[in-house]
Amino acid sequence: MLYLVHMIVNIPSTLAPEEAARIKAEEKAYSQRLQHEGKWPHLWRVVGEYANYSVFDVESNDALHDTLSKLPLFPFMQITVTALARHPSSIV
């Protein structure tokens, strides 16, 4: 199943810079692993914001929830999910 996911990140200024850097490094490693596995085929940053639009390709709603909740930055994210279906005019 395909999902369009909008993530807005808001790391609190009270979080120690070293801790924020550690979490961001873990986030990068986890997200790249998911990309290599084909579960996160598209990742696009929003210009001027600490946010992204992504497409996830996972088995179910529960699988997406599990994947997103394991993101190291998850506690600092506002996430919006839209389930996607093939468009009848699509040639892909």
N, C-alpha and C. Protein backbone atom coordinates (compact mmCIF):
# COMPACT_ATOMS: atom_id res chain seq x y z
N MET A 1 0.85 -1.17 0.00
CA MET A 1 0.00 0.00 0.00
C MET A 1 0.89 1.24 0.00
N LEU A 2 0.44 2.23 -0.74
CA LEU A 2 1.20 3.48 -0.81
C LEU A 2 0.56 4.54 0.07
N TYR A 3 1.42 5.32 0.72
CA TYR A 3 0.98 6.40 1.59
C TYR A 3 1.81 7.64 1.34
N LEU A 4 1.15 8.78 1.26
CA LEU A 4 1.83 10.07 1.24
C LEU A 4 1.88 10.55 2.68
N VAL A 5 3.09 10.84 3.15
CA VAL A 5 3.28 11.23 4.55
C VAL A 5 3.96 12.59 4.61
N HIS A 6 3.35 13.51 5.32
CA HIS A 6 3.93 14.83 5.55
C HIS A 6 4.42 14.87 6.98
N MET A 7 5.71 15.13 7.15
CA MET A 7 6.31 15.19 8.48
C MET A 7 6.87 16.59 8.73
N ILE A 8 6.47 17.18 9.83
CA ILE A 8 7.02 18.46 10.28
C ILE A 8 7.76 18.18 11.58
N VAL A 9 9.04 18.57 11.61
CA VAL A 9 9.88 18.30 12.78
C VAL A 9 10.03 19.57 13.60
N ASN A 10 9.87 19.43 14.90
CA ASN A 10 10.03 20.55 15.82
C ASN A 10 10.80 20.07 17.05
N ILE A 11 12.12 20.13 16.96
CA ILE A 11 12.97 19.74 18.08
C ILE A 11 13.00 20.89 19.08
N PRO A 12 12.67 20.63 20.33
CA PRO A 12 12.65 21.72 21.30
C PRO A 12 14.05 22.31 21.54
N SER A 13 14.09 23.60 21.74
CA SER A 13 15.37 24.27 21.98
C SER A 13 15.99 23.84 23.30
N THR A 14 15.21 23.21 24.17
CA THR A 14 15.74 22.75 25.45
C THR A 14 16.52 21.44 25.34
N LEU A 15 16.41 20.77 24.19
CA LEU A 15 17.15 19.52 23.99
C LEU A 15 18.62 19.85 23.75
N ALA A 16 19.50 19.19 24.48
CA ALA A 16 20.94 19.44 24.35
C ALA A 16 21.38 19.22 22.91
N PRO A 17 22.23 20.10 22.37
CA PRO A 17 22.70 19.96 20.98
C PRO A 17 23.32 18.60 20.68
N GLU A 18 24.04 18.03 21.64
CA GLU A 18 24.66 16.72 21.43
C GLU A 18 23.60 15.63 21.29
N GLU A 19 22.54 15.74 22.09
CA GLU A 19 21.46 14.76 22.03
C GLU A 19 20.70 14.91 20.70
N ALA A 20 20.46 16.14 20.29
CA ALA A 20 19.79 16.38 19.01
C ALA A 20 20.62 15.81 17.86
N ALA A 21 21.92 16.01 17.90
CA ALA A 21 22.80 15.48 16.84
C ALA A 21 22.78 13.96 16.82
N ARG A 22 22.76 13.33 17.99
CA ARG A 22 22.71 11.87 18.07
C ARG A 22 21.41 11.35 17.47
N ILE A 23 20.30 11.97 17.83
CA ILE A 23 18.99 11.54 17.33
C ILE A 23 18.92 11.72 15.81
N LYS A 24 19.44 12.83 15.30
CA LYS A 24 19.43 13.07 13.85
C LYS A 24 20.27 12.04 13.11
N ALA A 25 21.38 11.63 13.68
CA ALA A 25 22.22 10.60 13.05
C ALA A 25 21.49 9.27 13.02
N GLU A 26 20.80 8.92 14.10
CA GLU A 26 20.01 7.69 14.14
C GLU A 26 18.88 7.75 13.13
N GLU A 27 18.24 8.91 13.01
CA GLU A 27 17.16 9.11 12.05
C GLU A 27 17.65 8.88 10.62
N LYS A 28 18.81 9.45 10.31
CA LYS A 28 19.37 9.31 8.96
C LYS A 28 19.65 7.84 8.65
N ALA A 29 20.26 7.13 9.58
CA ALA A 29 20.58 5.72 9.37
C ALA A 29 19.31 4.89 9.17
N TYR A 30 18.30 5.12 10.02
CA TYR A 30 17.05 4.37 9.92
C TYR A 30 16.33 4.68 8.61
N SER A 31 16.26 5.96 8.25
CA SER A 31 15.55 6.32 7.02
C SER A 31 16.26 5.77 5.79
N GLN A 32 17.57 5.77 5.79
CA GLN A 32 18.29 5.22 4.64
C GLN A 32 18.14 3.71 4.54
N ARG A 33 18.05 3.04 5.68
CA ARG A 33 17.80 1.59 5.67
C ARG A 33 16.43 1.30 5.05
N LEU A 34 15.42 2.07 5.46
CA LEU A 34 14.07 1.89 4.90
C LEU A 34 14.05 2.19 3.40
N GLN A 35 14.84 3.16 2.96
CA GLN A 35 14.92 3.47 1.53
C GLN A 35 15.55 2.30 0.77
N HIS A 36 16.63 1.76 1.31
CA HIS A 36 17.29 0.61 0.66
C HIS A 36 16.37 -0.61 0.61
N GLU A 37 15.51 -0.76 1.61
CA GLU A 37 14.56 -1.88 1.65
C GLU A 37 13.36 -1.67 0.73
N GLY A 38 13.23 -0.47 0.17
CA GLY A 38 12.11 -0.16 -0.72
C GLY A 38 10.84 0.28 -0.01
N LYS A 39 10.90 0.44 1.30
CA LYS A 39 9.72 0.86 2.06
C LYS A 39 9.51 2.37 2.04
N TRP A 40 10.57 3.12 1.69
CA TRP A 40 10.51 4.58 1.66
C TRP A 40 11.06 5.03 0.32
N PRO A 41 10.29 4.82 -0.78
CA PRO A 41 10.84 5.07 -2.11
C PRO A 41 11.01 6.55 -2.48
N HIS A 42 10.30 7.44 -1.80
CA HIS A 42 10.43 8.87 -2.11
C HIS A 42 10.53 9.69 -0.83
N LEU A 43 11.50 10.60 -0.82
CA LEU A 43 11.71 11.49 0.32
C LEU A 43 12.06 12.86 -0.23
N TRP A 44 11.19 13.83 0.00
CA TRP A 44 11.37 15.18 -0.52
C TRP A 44 11.31 16.19 0.60
N ARG A 45 12.32 17.04 0.68
CA ARG A 45 12.34 18.08 1.71
C ARG A 45 11.47 19.25 1.26
N VAL A 46 10.87 19.95 2.22
CA VAL A 46 10.09 21.15 1.95
C VAL A 46 11.04 22.33 2.11
N VAL A 47 11.18 23.10 1.05
CA VAL A 47 12.12 24.23 1.06
C VAL A 47 11.74 25.23 2.15
N GLY A 48 12.74 25.61 2.95
CA GLY A 48 12.55 26.61 3.98
C GLY A 48 11.92 26.11 5.26
N GLU A 49 11.69 24.81 5.36
CA GLU A 49 11.08 24.24 6.57
C GLU A 49 11.85 23.00 7.01
N TYR A 50 11.71 22.65 8.26
CA TYR A 50 12.25 21.37 8.74
C TYR A 50 11.10 20.38 8.59
N ALA A 51 10.86 19.99 7.34
CA ALA A 51 9.71 19.14 7.02
C ALA A 51 9.99 18.38 5.74
N ASN A 52 9.19 17.34 5.51
CA ASN A 52 9.32 16.58 4.27
C ASN A 52 7.97 16.00 3.86
N TYR A 53 7.91 15.66 2.58
CA TYR A 53 6.84 14.84 2.03
C TYR A 53 7.50 13.55 1.59
N SER A 54 6.92 12.44 1.96
CA SER A 54 7.48 11.14 1.64
C SER A 54 6.40 10.22 1.13
N VAL A 55 6.82 9.25 0.34
CA VAL A 55 5.93 8.16 -0.06
C VAL A 55 6.48 6.89 0.57
N PHE A 56 5.61 6.19 1.30
CA PHE A 56 5.95 4.91 1.90
C PHE A 56 5.21 3.82 1.17
N ASP A 57 5.86 2.68 1.00
CA ASP A 57 5.26 1.51 0.37
C ASP A 57 5.38 0.36 1.36
N VAL A 58 4.32 0.17 2.15
CA VAL A 58 4.31 -0.86 3.19
C VAL A 58 3.03 -1.69 3.08
N GLU A 59 2.97 -2.78 3.83
CA GLU A 59 1.90 -3.76 3.70
C GLU A 59 0.54 -3.29 4.19
N SER A 60 0.52 -2.40 5.21
CA SER A 60 -0.76 -2.10 5.85
C SER A 60 -0.66 -0.81 6.67
N ASN A 61 -1.82 -0.37 7.16
CA ASN A 61 -1.86 0.78 8.06
C ASN A 61 -1.01 0.52 9.30
N ASP A 62 -1.14 -0.68 9.84
CA ASP A 62 -0.38 -1.03 11.04
C ASP A 62 1.12 -1.02 10.76
N ALA A 63 1.52 -1.51 9.58
CA ALA A 63 2.95 -1.51 9.22
C ALA A 63 3.47 -0.08 9.11
N LEU A 64 2.66 0.81 8.54
CA LEU A 64 3.08 2.21 8.45
C LEU A 64 3.20 2.82 9.84
N HIS A 65 2.22 2.58 10.68
CA HIS A 65 2.27 3.12 12.05
C HIS A 65 3.52 2.63 12.78
N ASP A 66 3.81 1.35 12.65
CA ASP A 66 5.00 0.78 13.29
C ASP A 66 6.28 1.42 12.75
N THR A 67 6.35 1.59 11.44
CA THR A 67 7.52 2.19 10.80
C THR A 67 7.72 3.63 11.26
N LEU A 68 6.65 4.41 11.25
CA LEU A 68 6.76 5.82 11.63
C LEU A 68 7.07 5.97 13.11
N SER A 69 6.47 5.16 13.94
CA SER A 69 6.68 5.31 15.39
C SER A 69 8.10 4.92 15.80
N LYS A 70 8.82 4.20 14.94
CA LYS A 70 10.21 3.85 15.23
C LYS A 70 11.20 4.91 14.76
N LEU A 71 10.71 5.96 14.08
CA LEU A 71 11.61 7.04 13.69
C LEU A 71 12.17 7.70 14.94
N PRO A 72 13.48 7.86 15.04
CA PRO A 72 14.05 8.48 16.23
C PRO A 72 13.51 9.90 16.49
N LEU A 73 13.13 10.62 15.44
CA LEU A 73 12.58 11.96 15.62
C LEU A 73 11.06 11.96 15.84
N PHE A 74 10.44 10.79 15.86
CA PHE A 74 8.99 10.67 16.00
C PHE A 74 8.42 11.51 17.14
N PRO A 75 9.05 11.53 18.32
CA PRO A 75 8.47 12.33 19.41
C PRO A 75 8.41 13.83 19.11
N PHE A 76 9.15 14.27 18.11
CA PHE A 76 9.22 15.69 17.78
C PHE A 76 8.53 16.01 16.46
N MET A 77 7.70 15.08 15.99
CA MET A 77 7.07 15.25 14.67
C MET A 77 5.57 15.44 14.75
N GLN A 78 5.08 16.25 13.82
CA GLN A 78 3.66 16.32 13.51
C GLN A 78 3.53 15.61 12.17
N ILE A 79 2.71 14.55 12.10
CA ILE A 79 2.64 13.71 10.92
C ILE A 79 1.21 13.67 10.39
N THR A 80 1.10 13.82 9.07
CA THR A 80 -0.18 13.68 8.39
C THR A 80 -0.02 12.58 7.34
N VAL A 81 -0.96 11.63 7.33
CA VAL A 81 -0.89 10.49 6.41
C VAL A 81 -2.09 10.51 5.48
N THR A 82 -1.81 10.28 4.20
CA THR A 82 -2.86 10.15 3.19
C THR A 82 -2.64 8.83 2.44
N ALA A 83 -3.63 7.95 2.50
CA ALA A 83 -3.54 6.69 1.75
C ALA A 83 -3.71 7.00 0.27
N LEU A 84 -2.94 6.34 -0.57
CA LEU A 84 -2.97 6.58 -2.01
C LEU A 84 -3.50 5.36 -2.76
N ALA A 85 -4.18 5.64 -3.88
CA ALA A 85 -4.67 4.58 -4.76
C ALA A 85 -4.27 4.95 -6.19
N ARG A 86 -4.10 3.98 -7.03
CA ARG A 86 -3.75 4.21 -8.43
C ARG A 86 -4.83 5.07 -9.10
N HIS A 87 -4.36 6.02 -9.88
CA HIS A 87 -5.28 6.86 -10.65
C HIS A 87 -5.60 6.15 -11.97
N PRO A 88 -6.84 6.15 -12.40
CA PRO A 88 -7.19 5.42 -13.63
C PRO A 88 -6.52 5.97 -14.89
N SER A 89 -6.03 7.20 -14.85
CA SER A 89 -5.35 7.78 -16.02
C SER A 89 -3.84 7.61 -15.98
N SER A 90 -3.32 7.03 -14.89
CA SER A 90 -1.88 6.86 -14.75
C SER A 90 -1.36 5.82 -15.74
N ILE A 91 -0.21 6.11 -16.35
CA ILE A 91 0.40 5.14 -17.26
C ILE A 91 1.45 4.29 -16.55
N VAL A 92 1.67 4.53 -15.27
CA VAL A 92 2.64 3.77 -14.50
C VAL A 92 1.93 2.71 -13.67
